[in-house]
Amino acid sequence: MTASEALKIVAECGLNIEGTAHDEVMIQIKSALEKQIPKKPVIEKGQKIFYIQCGSCPECKGRVYSSANCFCHKCGQAIDWSDDNA
């Protein structure tokens, strides 16, 4: 099961935000699943350091590098570097 499929099931369960422990757990699950779905980094023209593509995380605006890994070090968001025209 992919993160997208799991997120769809969580959404179908619904969130009744009334401060119950169940609702808090569902919110945390949803947040964790959303971070696993890769998003494109925000890249401004000319953002390269020694042939390494760099940009900003689409969620927290933290600096991300194509050579480091596929996750933002600041917030944990999965980063999708595919189709990179570097």
PDB file of N, CA and C in Angstrom:
ATOM      1  N   MET A   1       0.852  -1.173   0.000  1.00  0.00           N
ATOM      2  CA  MET A   1       0.000   0.000   0.000  1.00  0.00           C
ATOM      3  C   MET A   1       0.897   1.235   0.000  1.00  0.00           C
ATOM      4  N   THR A   2       0.576   2.163  -0.869  1.00  0.00           N
ATOM      5  CA  THR A   2       1.348   3.402  -0.929  1.00  0.00           C
ATOM      6  C   THR A   2       0.831   4.396   0.113  1.00  0.00           C
ATOM      7  N   ALA A   3       1.629   5.439   0.339  1.00  0.00           N
ATOM      8  CA  ALA A   3       1.218   6.491   1.272  1.00  0.00           C
ATOM      9  C   ALA A   3      -0.056   7.170   0.777  1.00  0.00           C
ATOM     10  N   SER A   4      -0.179   7.344  -0.534  1.00  0.00           N
ATOM     11  CA  SER A   4      -1.382   7.971  -1.103  1.00  0.00           C
ATOM     12  C   SER A   4      -2.626   7.127  -0.848  1.00  0.00           C
ATOM     13  N   GLU A   5      -2.481   5.808  -1.002  1.00  0.00           N
ATOM     14  CA  GLU A   5      -3.618   4.916  -0.757  1.00  0.00           C
ATOM     15  C   GLU A   5      -3.999   4.920   0.719  1.00  0.00           C
ATOM     16  N   ALA A   6      -3.006   4.891   1.589  1.00  0.00           N
ATOM     17  CA  ALA A   6      -3.284   4.919   3.031  1.00  0.00           C
ATOM     18  C   ALA A   6      -3.937   6.241   3.434  1.00  0.00           C
ATOM     19  N   LEU A   7      -3.473   7.340   2.835  1.00  0.00           N
ATOM     20  CA  LEU A   7      -4.047   8.655   3.138  1.00  0.00           C
ATOM     21  C   LEU A   7      -5.511   8.708   2.716  1.00  0.00           C
ATOM     22  N   LYS A   8      -5.840   8.073   1.605  1.00  0.00           N
ATOM     23  CA  LYS A   8      -7.230   8.028   1.134  1.00  0.00           C
ATOM     24  C   LYS A   8      -8.108   7.288   2.141  1.00  0.00           C
ATOM     25  N   ILE A   9      -7.597   6.182   2.703  1.00  0.00           N
ATOM     26  CA  ILE A   9      -8.358   5.416   3.697  1.00  0.00           C
ATOM     27  C   ILE A   9      -8.549   6.234   4.974  1.00  0.00           C
ATOM     28  N   VAL A  10      -7.494   6.933   5.396  1.00  0.00           N
ATOM     29  CA  VAL A  10      -7.599   7.790   6.583  1.00  0.00           C
ATOM     30  C   VAL A  10      -8.649   8.870   6.351  1.00  0.00           C
ATOM     31  N   ALA A  11      -8.661   9.458   5.149  1.00  0.00           N
ATOM     32  CA  ALA A  11      -9.641  10.506   4.835  1.00  0.00           C
ATOM     33  C   ALA A  11     -11.069   9.948   4.879  1.00  0.00           C
ATOM     34  N   GLU A  12     -11.245   8.700   4.433  1.00  0.00           N
ATOM     35  CA  GLU A  12     -12.571   8.078   4.451  1.00  0.00           C
ATOM     36  C   GLU A  12     -13.061   7.824   5.880  1.00  0.00           C
ATOM     37  N   CYS A  13     -12.132   7.605   6.813  1.00  0.00           N
ATOM     38  CA  CYS A  13     -12.511   7.388   8.216  1.00  0.00           C
ATOM     39  C   CYS A  13     -13.080   8.655   8.828  1.00  0.00           C
ATOM     40  N   GLY A  14     -12.665   9.797   8.302  1.00  0.00           N
ATOM     41  CA  GLY A  14     -13.159  11.071   8.794  1.00  0.00           C
ATOM     42  C   GLY A  14     -12.483  11.498  10.083  1.00  0.00           C
ATOM     43  N   LEU A  15     -12.435  12.789  10.274  1.00  0.00           N
ATOM     44  CA  LEU A  15     -11.863  13.360  11.486  1.00  0.00           C
ATOM     45  C   LEU A  15     -12.939  14.165  12.189  1.00  0.00           C
ATOM     46  N   ASN A  16     -13.229  13.790  13.397  1.00  0.00           N
ATOM     47  CA  ASN A  16     -14.181  14.523  14.205  1.00  0.00           C
ATOM     48  C   ASN A  16     -13.362  15.227  15.276  1.00  0.00           C
ATOM     49  N   ILE A  17     -12.887  16.409  14.960  1.00  0.00           N
ATOM     50  CA  ILE A  17     -11.945  17.095  15.843  1.00  0.00           C
ATOM     51  C   ILE A  17     -12.670  17.698  17.038  1.00  0.00           C
ATOM     52  N   GLU A  18     -12.697  16.922  18.108  1.00  0.00           N
ATOM     53  CA  GLU A  18     -13.317  17.358  19.355  1.00  0.00           C
ATOM     54  C   GLU A  18     -12.358  17.190  20.516  1.00  0.00           C
ATOM     55  N   GLY A  19     -11.081  16.990  20.227  1.00  0.00           N
ATOM     56  CA  GLY A  19     -10.095  16.861  21.280  1.00  0.00           C
ATOM     57  C   GLY A  19      -9.925  15.456  21.826  1.00  0.00           C
ATOM     58  N   THR A  20     -10.553  14.465  21.208  1.00  0.00           N
ATOM     59  CA  THR A  20     -10.392  13.101  21.702  1.00  0.00           C
ATOM     60  C   THR A  20      -9.037  12.548  21.276  1.00  0.00           C
ATOM     61  N   ALA A  21      -8.575  11.532  21.976  1.00  0.00           N
ATOM     62  CA  ALA A  21      -7.290  10.907  21.657  1.00  0.00           C
ATOM     63  C   ALA A  21      -7.330  10.307  20.251  1.00  0.00           C
ATOM     64  N   HIS A  22      -8.450   9.734  19.858  1.00  0.00           N
ATOM     65  CA  HIS A  22      -8.595   9.143  18.525  1.00  0.00           C
ATOM     66  C   HIS A  22      -8.368  10.203  17.454  1.00  0.00           C
ATOM     67  N   ASP A  23      -8.959  11.365  17.627  1.00  0.00           N
ATOM     68  CA  ASP A  23      -8.818  12.435  16.642  1.00  0.00           C
ATOM     69  C   ASP A  23      -7.368  12.909  16.546  1.00  0.00           C
ATOM     70  N   GLU A  24      -6.695  13.008  17.676  1.00  0.00           N
ATOM     71  CA  GLU A  24      -5.286  13.431  17.677  1.00  0.00           C
ATOM     72  C   GLU A  24      -4.423  12.420  16.937  1.00  0.00           C
ATOM     73  N   VAL A  25      -4.686  11.144  17.157  1.00  0.00           N
ATOM     74  CA  VAL A  25      -3.929  10.094  16.473  1.00  0.00           C
ATOM     75  C   VAL A  25      -4.173  10.163  14.966  1.00  0.00           C
ATOM     76  N   MET A  26      -5.414  10.348  14.566  1.00  0.00           N
ATOM     77  CA  MET A  26      -5.743  10.425  13.144  1.00  0.00           C
ATOM     78  C   MET A  26      -5.064  11.637  12.492  1.00  0.00           C
ATOM     79  N   ILE A  27      -5.001  12.744  13.193  1.00  0.00           N
ATOM     80  CA  ILE A  27      -4.333  13.934  12.669  1.00  0.00           C
ATOM     81  C   ILE A  27      -2.844  13.660  12.478  1.00  0.00           C
ATOM     82  N   GLN A  28      -2.215  12.995  13.441  1.00  0.00           N
ATOM     83  CA  GLN A  28      -0.794  12.661  13.339  1.00  0.00           C
ATOM     84  C   GLN A  28      -0.532  11.680  12.194  1.00  0.00           C
ATOM     85  N   ILE A  29      -1.400  10.701  12.036  1.00  0.00           N
ATOM     86  CA  ILE A  29      -1.263   9.728  10.945  1.00  0.00           C
ATOM     87  C   ILE A  29      -1.367  10.440   9.609  1.00  0.00           C
ATOM     88  N   LYS A  30      -2.352  11.302   9.476  1.00  0.00           N
ATOM     89  CA  LYS A  30      -2.548  12.035   8.222  1.00  0.00           C
ATOM     90  C   LYS A  30      -1.330  12.895   7.908  1.00  0.00           C
ATOM     91  N   SER A  31      -0.805  13.580   8.897  1.00  0.00           N
ATOM     92  CA  SER A  31       0.364  14.432   8.699  1.00  0.00           C
ATOM     93  C   SER A  31       1.581  13.613   8.263  1.00  0.00           C
ATOM     94  N   ALA A  32       1.800  12.475   8.913  1.00  0.00           N
ATOM     95  CA  ALA A  32       2.943  11.619   8.575  1.00  0.00           C
ATOM     96  C   ALA A  32       2.811  11.056   7.166  1.00  0.00           C
ATOM     97  N   LEU A  33       1.607  10.646   6.787  1.00  0.00           N
ATOM     98  CA  LEU A  33       1.393  10.112   5.446  1.00  0.00           C
ATOM     99  C   LEU A  33       1.593  11.182   4.382  1.00  0.00           C
ATOM    100  N   GLU A  34       1.116  12.397   4.635  1.00  0.00           N
ATOM    101  CA  GLU A  34       1.271  13.479   3.664  1.00  0.00           C
ATOM    102  C   GLU A  34       2.737  13.798   3.417  1.00  0.00           C
ATOM    103  N   LYS A  35       3.575  13.699   4.435  1.00  0.00           N
ATOM    104  CA  LYS A  35       5.011  13.979   4.274  1.00  0.00           C
ATOM    105  C   LYS A  35       5.719  12.903   3.461  1.00  0.00           C
ATOM    106  N   GLN A  36       5.144  11.702   3.386  1.00  0.00           N
ATOM    107  CA  GLN A  36       5.760  10.629   2.626  1.00  0.00           C
ATOM    108  C   GLN A  36       5.496  10.737   1.134  1.00  0.00           C
ATOM    109  N   ILE A  37       4.534  11.554   0.743  1.00  0.00           N
ATOM    110  CA  ILE A  37       4.227  11.743  -0.669  1.00  0.00           C
ATOM    111  C   ILE A  37       5.172  12.818  -1.204  1.00  0.00           C
ATOM    112  N   PRO A  38       6.096  12.429  -2.116  1.00  0.00           N
ATOM    113  CA  PRO A  38       7.109  13.380  -2.598  1.00  0.00           C
ATOM    114  C   PRO A  38       6.503  14.590  -3.298  1.00  0.00           C
ATOM    115  N   LYS A  39       7.088  15.752  -3.001  1.00  0.00           N
ATOM    116  CA  LYS A  39       6.684  17.000  -3.645  1.00  0.00           C
ATOM    117  C   LYS A  39       7.913  17.614  -4.300  1.00  0.00           C
ATOM    118  N   LYS A  40       7.688  18.335  -5.372  1.00  0.00           N
ATOM    119  CA  LYS A  40       8.776  19.000  -6.090  1.00  0.00           C
ATOM    120  C   LYS A  40       9.341  20.129  -5.237  1.00  0.00           C
ATOM    121  N   PRO A  41      10.674  20.283  -5.243  1.00  0.00           N
ATOM    122  CA  PRO A  41      11.264  21.414  -4.518  1.00  0.00           C
ATOM    123  C   PRO A  41      11.011  22.709  -5.273  1.00  0.00           C
ATOM    124  N   VAL A  42      11.084  23.815  -4.581  1.00  0.00           N
ATOM    125  CA  VAL A  42      10.972  25.130  -5.208  1.00  0.00           C
ATOM    126  C   VAL A  42      12.383  25.507  -5.642  1.00  0.00           C
ATOM    127  N   ILE A  43      12.583  25.623  -6.959  1.00  0.00           N
ATOM    128  CA  ILE A  43      13.911  25.909  -7.485  1.00  0.00           C
ATOM    129  C   ILE A  43      13.888  27.247  -8.207  1.00  0.00           C
ATOM    130  N   GLU A  44      14.781  28.113  -7.801  1.00  0.00           N
ATOM    131  CA  GLU A  44      14.934  29.395  -8.474  1.00  0.00           C
ATOM    132  C   GLU A  44      16.071  29.273  -9.464  1.00  0.00           C
ATOM    133  N   LYS A  45      16.008  30.028 -10.517  1.00  0.00           N
ATOM    134  CA  LYS A  45      17.030  29.976 -11.563  1.00  0.00           C
ATOM    135  C   LYS A  45      18.423  30.204 -10.971  1.00  0.00           C
ATOM    136  N   GLY A  46      19.347  29.336 -11.358  1.00  0.00           N
ATOM    137  CA  GLY A  46      20.732  29.493 -10.936  1.00  0.00           C
ATOM    138  C   GLY A  46      21.063  28.921  -9.579  1.00  0.00           C
ATOM    139  N   GLN A  47      20.172  28.137  -8.990  1.00  0.00           N
ATOM    140  CA  GLN A  47      20.453  27.559  -7.674  1.00  0.00           C
ATOM    141  C   GLN A  47      21.236  26.265  -7.827  1.00  0.00           C
ATOM    142  N   LYS A  48      22.541  26.385  -8.024  1.00  0.00           N
ATOM    143  CA  LYS A  48      23.436  25.231  -8.102  1.00  0.00           C
ATOM    144  C   LYS A  48      24.686  25.547  -7.320  1.00  0.00           C
ATOM    145  N   ILE A  49      25.172  24.545  -6.606  1.00  0.00           N
ATOM    146  CA  ILE A  49      26.423  24.683  -5.877  1.00  0.00           C
ATOM    147  C   ILE A  49      27.294  23.504  -6.294  1.00  0.00           C
ATOM    148  N   PHE A  50      28.367  23.768  -7.009  1.00  0.00           N
ATOM    149  CA  PHE A  50      29.275  22.712  -7.461  1.00  0.00           C
ATOM    150  C   PHE A  50      28.523  21.570  -8.134  1.00  0.00           C
ATOM    151  N   TYR A  51      27.673  21.882  -9.097  1.00  0.00           N
ATOM    152  CA  TYR A  51      26.908  20.908  -9.884  1.00  0.00           C
ATOM    153  C   TYR A  51      25.843  20.176  -9.082  1.00  0.00           C
ATOM    154  N   ILE A  52      25.560  20.597  -7.889  1.00  0.00           N
ATOM    155  CA  ILE A  52      24.504  20.000  -7.070  1.00  0.00           C
ATOM    156  C   ILE A  52      23.291  20.920  -7.128  1.00  0.00           C
ATOM    157  N   GLN A  53      22.175  20.362  -7.534  1.00  0.00           N
ATOM    158  CA  GLN A  53      20.942  21.145  -7.589  1.00  0.00           C
ATOM    159  C   GLN A  53      20.464  21.421  -6.173  1.00  0.00           C
ATOM    160  N   CYS A  54      20.057  22.626  -5.914  1.00  0.00           N
ATOM    161  CA  CYS A  54      19.506  22.950  -4.606  1.00  0.00           C
ATOM    162  C   CYS A  54      18.234  23.768  -4.792  1.00  0.00           C
ATOM    163  N   GLY A  55      17.429  23.760  -3.758  1.00  0.00           N
ATOM    164  CA  GLY A  55      16.167  24.487  -3.809  1.00  0.00           C
ATOM    165  C   GLY A  55      15.597  24.600  -2.406  1.00  0.00           C
ATOM    166  N   SER A  56      14.303  24.866  -2.342  1.00  0.00           N
ATOM    167  CA  SER A  56      13.632  25.021  -1.063  1.00  0.00           C
ATOM    168  C   SER A  56      12.539  23.972  -0.925  1.00  0.00           C
ATOM    169  N   CYS A  57      12.348  23.492   0.288  1.00  0.00           N
ATOM    170  CA  CYS A  57      11.277  22.544   0.585  1.00  0.00           C
ATOM    171  C   CYS A  57       9.937  23.246   0.331  1.00  0.00           C
ATOM    172  N   PRO A  58       9.001  22.587  -0.364  1.00  0.00           N
ATOM    173  CA  PRO A  58       7.709  23.218  -0.634  1.00  0.00           C
ATOM    174  C   PRO A  58       6.848  23.402   0.620  1.00  0.00           C
ATOM    175  N   GLU A  59       7.195  22.722   1.719  1.00  0.00           N
ATOM    176  CA  GLU A  59       6.408  22.817   2.948  1.00  0.00           C
ATOM    177  C   GLU A  59       6.978  23.829   3.941  1.00  0.00           C
ATOM    178  N   CYS A  60       8.263  23.692   4.277  1.00  0.00           N
ATOM    179  CA  CYS A  60       8.832  24.536   5.332  1.00  0.00           C
ATOM    180  C   CYS A  60       9.815  25.588   4.806  1.00  0.00           C
ATOM    181  N   LYS A  61      10.088  25.552   3.513  1.00  0.00           N
ATOM    182  CA  LYS A  61      11.013  26.491   2.851  1.00  0.00           C
ATOM    183  C   LYS A  61      12.466  26.281   3.250  1.00  0.00           C
ATOM    184  N   GLY A  62      12.770  25.152   3.926  1.00  0.00           N
ATOM    185  CA  GLY A  62      14.155  24.830   4.279  1.00  0.00           C
ATOM    186  C   GLY A  62      14.951  24.467   3.032  1.00  0.00           C
ATOM    187  N   ARG A  63      16.260  24.638   3.085  1.00  0.00           N
ATOM    188  CA  ARG A  63      17.143  24.347   1.956  1.00  0.00           C
ATOM    189  C   ARG A  63      17.248  22.834   1.756  1.00  0.00           C
ATOM    190  N   VAL A  64      17.089  22.362   0.493  1.00  0.00           N
ATOM    191  CA  VAL A  64      17.234  20.957   0.153  1.00  0.00           C
ATOM    192  C   VAL A  64      18.232  20.816  -0.993  1.00  0.00           C
ATOM    193  N   TYR A  65      18.967  19.703  -1.007  1.00  0.00           N
ATOM    194  CA  TYR A  65      20.004  19.449  -2.008  1.00  0.00           C
ATOM    195  C   TYR A  65      19.752  18.108  -2.680  1.00  0.00           C
ATOM    196  N   SER A  66      19.913  18.071  -3.985  1.00  0.00           N
ATOM    197  CA  SER A  66      19.637  16.842  -4.733  1.00  0.00           C
ATOM    198  C   SER A  66      20.600  15.719  -4.392  1.00  0.00           C
ATOM    199  N   SER A  67      21.798  16.037  -3.943  1.00  0.00           N
ATOM    200  CA  SER A  67      22.776  14.989  -3.642  1.00  0.00           C
ATOM    201  C   SER A  67      22.639  14.438  -2.220  1.00  0.00           C
ATOM    202  N   ALA A  68      21.954  15.146  -1.346  1.00  0.00           N
ATOM    203  CA  ALA A  68      21.877  14.748   0.068  1.00  0.00           C
ATOM    204  C   ALA A  68      20.978  13.533   0.245  1.00  0.00           C
ATOM    205  N   ASN A  69      19.729  13.664  -0.043  1.00  0.00           N
ATOM    206  CA  ASN A  69      18.773  12.564   0.007  1.00  0.00           C
ATOM    207  C   ASN A  69      17.438  13.073  -0.516  1.00  0.00           C
ATOM    208  N   CYS A  70      16.427  12.303  -0.343  1.00  0.00           N
ATOM    209  CA  CYS A  70      15.124  12.656  -0.897  1.00  0.00           C
ATOM    210  C   CYS A  70      14.155  13.204   0.138  1.00  0.00           C
ATOM    211  N   PHE A  71      14.681  13.663   1.275  1.00  0.00           N
ATOM    212  CA  PHE A  71      13.825  14.226   2.316  1.00  0.00           C
ATOM    213  C   PHE A  71      14.392  15.539   2.806  1.00  0.00           C
ATOM    214  N   CYS A  72      13.532  16.445   3.211  1.00  0.00           N
ATOM    215  CA  CYS A  72      13.956  17.704   3.810  1.00  0.00           C
ATOM    216  C   CYS A  72      14.497  17.403   5.211  1.00  0.00           C
ATOM    217  N   HIS A  73      15.673  17.930   5.510  1.00  0.00           N
ATOM    218  CA  HIS A  73      16.275  17.698   6.827  1.00  0.00           C
ATOM    219  C   HIS A  73      15.534  18.450   7.931  1.00  0.00           C
ATOM    220  N   LYS A  74      14.813  19.490   7.550  1.00  0.00           N
ATOM    221  CA  LYS A  74      14.143  20.328   8.546  1.00  0.00           C
ATOM    222  C   LYS A  74      12.788  19.762   8.977  1.00  0.00           C
ATOM    223  N   CYS A  75      11.950  19.374   8.006  1.00  0.00           N
ATOM    224  CA  CYS A  75      10.588  18.940   8.356  1.00  0.00           C
ATOM    225  C   CYS A  75      10.278  17.487   7.997  1.00  0.00           C
ATOM    226  N   GLY A  76      11.120  16.841   7.203  1.00  0.00           N
ATOM    227  CA  GLY A  76      10.895  15.448   6.843  1.00  0.00           C
ATOM    228  C   GLY A  76      10.084  15.229   5.586  1.00  0.00           C
ATOM    229  N   GLN A  77       9.694  16.296   4.893  1.00  0.00           N
ATOM    230  CA  GLN A  77       8.908  16.168   3.663  1.00  0.00           C
ATOM    231  C   GLN A  77       9.725  15.425   2.599  1.00  0.00           C
ATOM    232  N   ALA A  78       9.107  14.440   1.934  1.00  0.00           N
ATOM    233  CA  ALA A  78       9.761  13.737   0.829  1.00  0.00           C
ATOM    234  C   ALA A  78       9.886  14.714  -0.336  1.00  0.00           C
ATOM    235  N   ILE A  79      11.061  14.704  -0.975  1.00  0.00           N
ATOM    236  CA  ILE A  79      11.327  15.615  -2.088  1.00  0.00           C
ATOM    237  C   ILE A  79      11.496  14.793  -3.371  1.00  0.00           C
ATOM    238  N   ASP A  80      10.854  15.243  -4.437  1.00  0.00           N
ATOM    239  CA  ASP A  80      10.903  14.567  -5.744  1.00  0.00           C
ATOM    240  C   ASP A  80      11.821  15.356  -6.673  1.00  0.00           C
ATOM    241  N   TRP A  81      12.999  14.817  -6.941  1.00  0.00           N
ATOM    242  CA  TRP A  81      13.959  15.479  -7.831  1.00  0.00           C
ATOM    243  C   TRP A  81      13.852  14.965  -9.259  1.00  0.00           C
ATOM    244  N   SER A  82      12.896  14.122  -9.577  1.00  0.00           N
ATOM    245  CA  SER A  82      12.783  13.561 -10.930  1.00  0.00           C
ATOM    246  C   SER A  82      12.500  14.660 -11.948  1.00  0.00           C
ATOM    247  N   ASP A  83      12.827  14.338 -13.199  1.00  0.00           N
ATOM    248  CA  ASP A  83      12.659  15.286 -14.300  1.00  0.00           C
ATOM    249  C   ASP A  83      13.410  16.567 -14.054  1.00  0.00           C
ATOM    250  N   ASP A  84      14.544  16.441 -13.407  1.00  0.00           N
ATOM    251  CA  ASP A  84      15.377  17.582 -13.084  1.00  0.00           C
ATOM    252  C   ASP A  84      16.196  17.943 -14.312  1.00  0.00           C
ATOM    253  N   ASN A  85      16.107  19.161 -14.777  1.00  0.00           N
ATOM    254  CA  ASN A  85      16.859  19.599 -15.940  1.00  0.00           C
ATOM    255  C   ASN A  85      18.155  20.264 -15.530  1.00  0.00           C
ATOM    256  N   ALA A  86      18.870  19.669 -14.603  1.00  0.00           N
ATOM    257  CA  ALA A  86      20.095  20.256 -14.064  1.00  0.00           C
ATOM    258  C   ALA A  86      21.234  20.161 -15.025  1.00  0.00           C
TER     259      ALA A  86
END
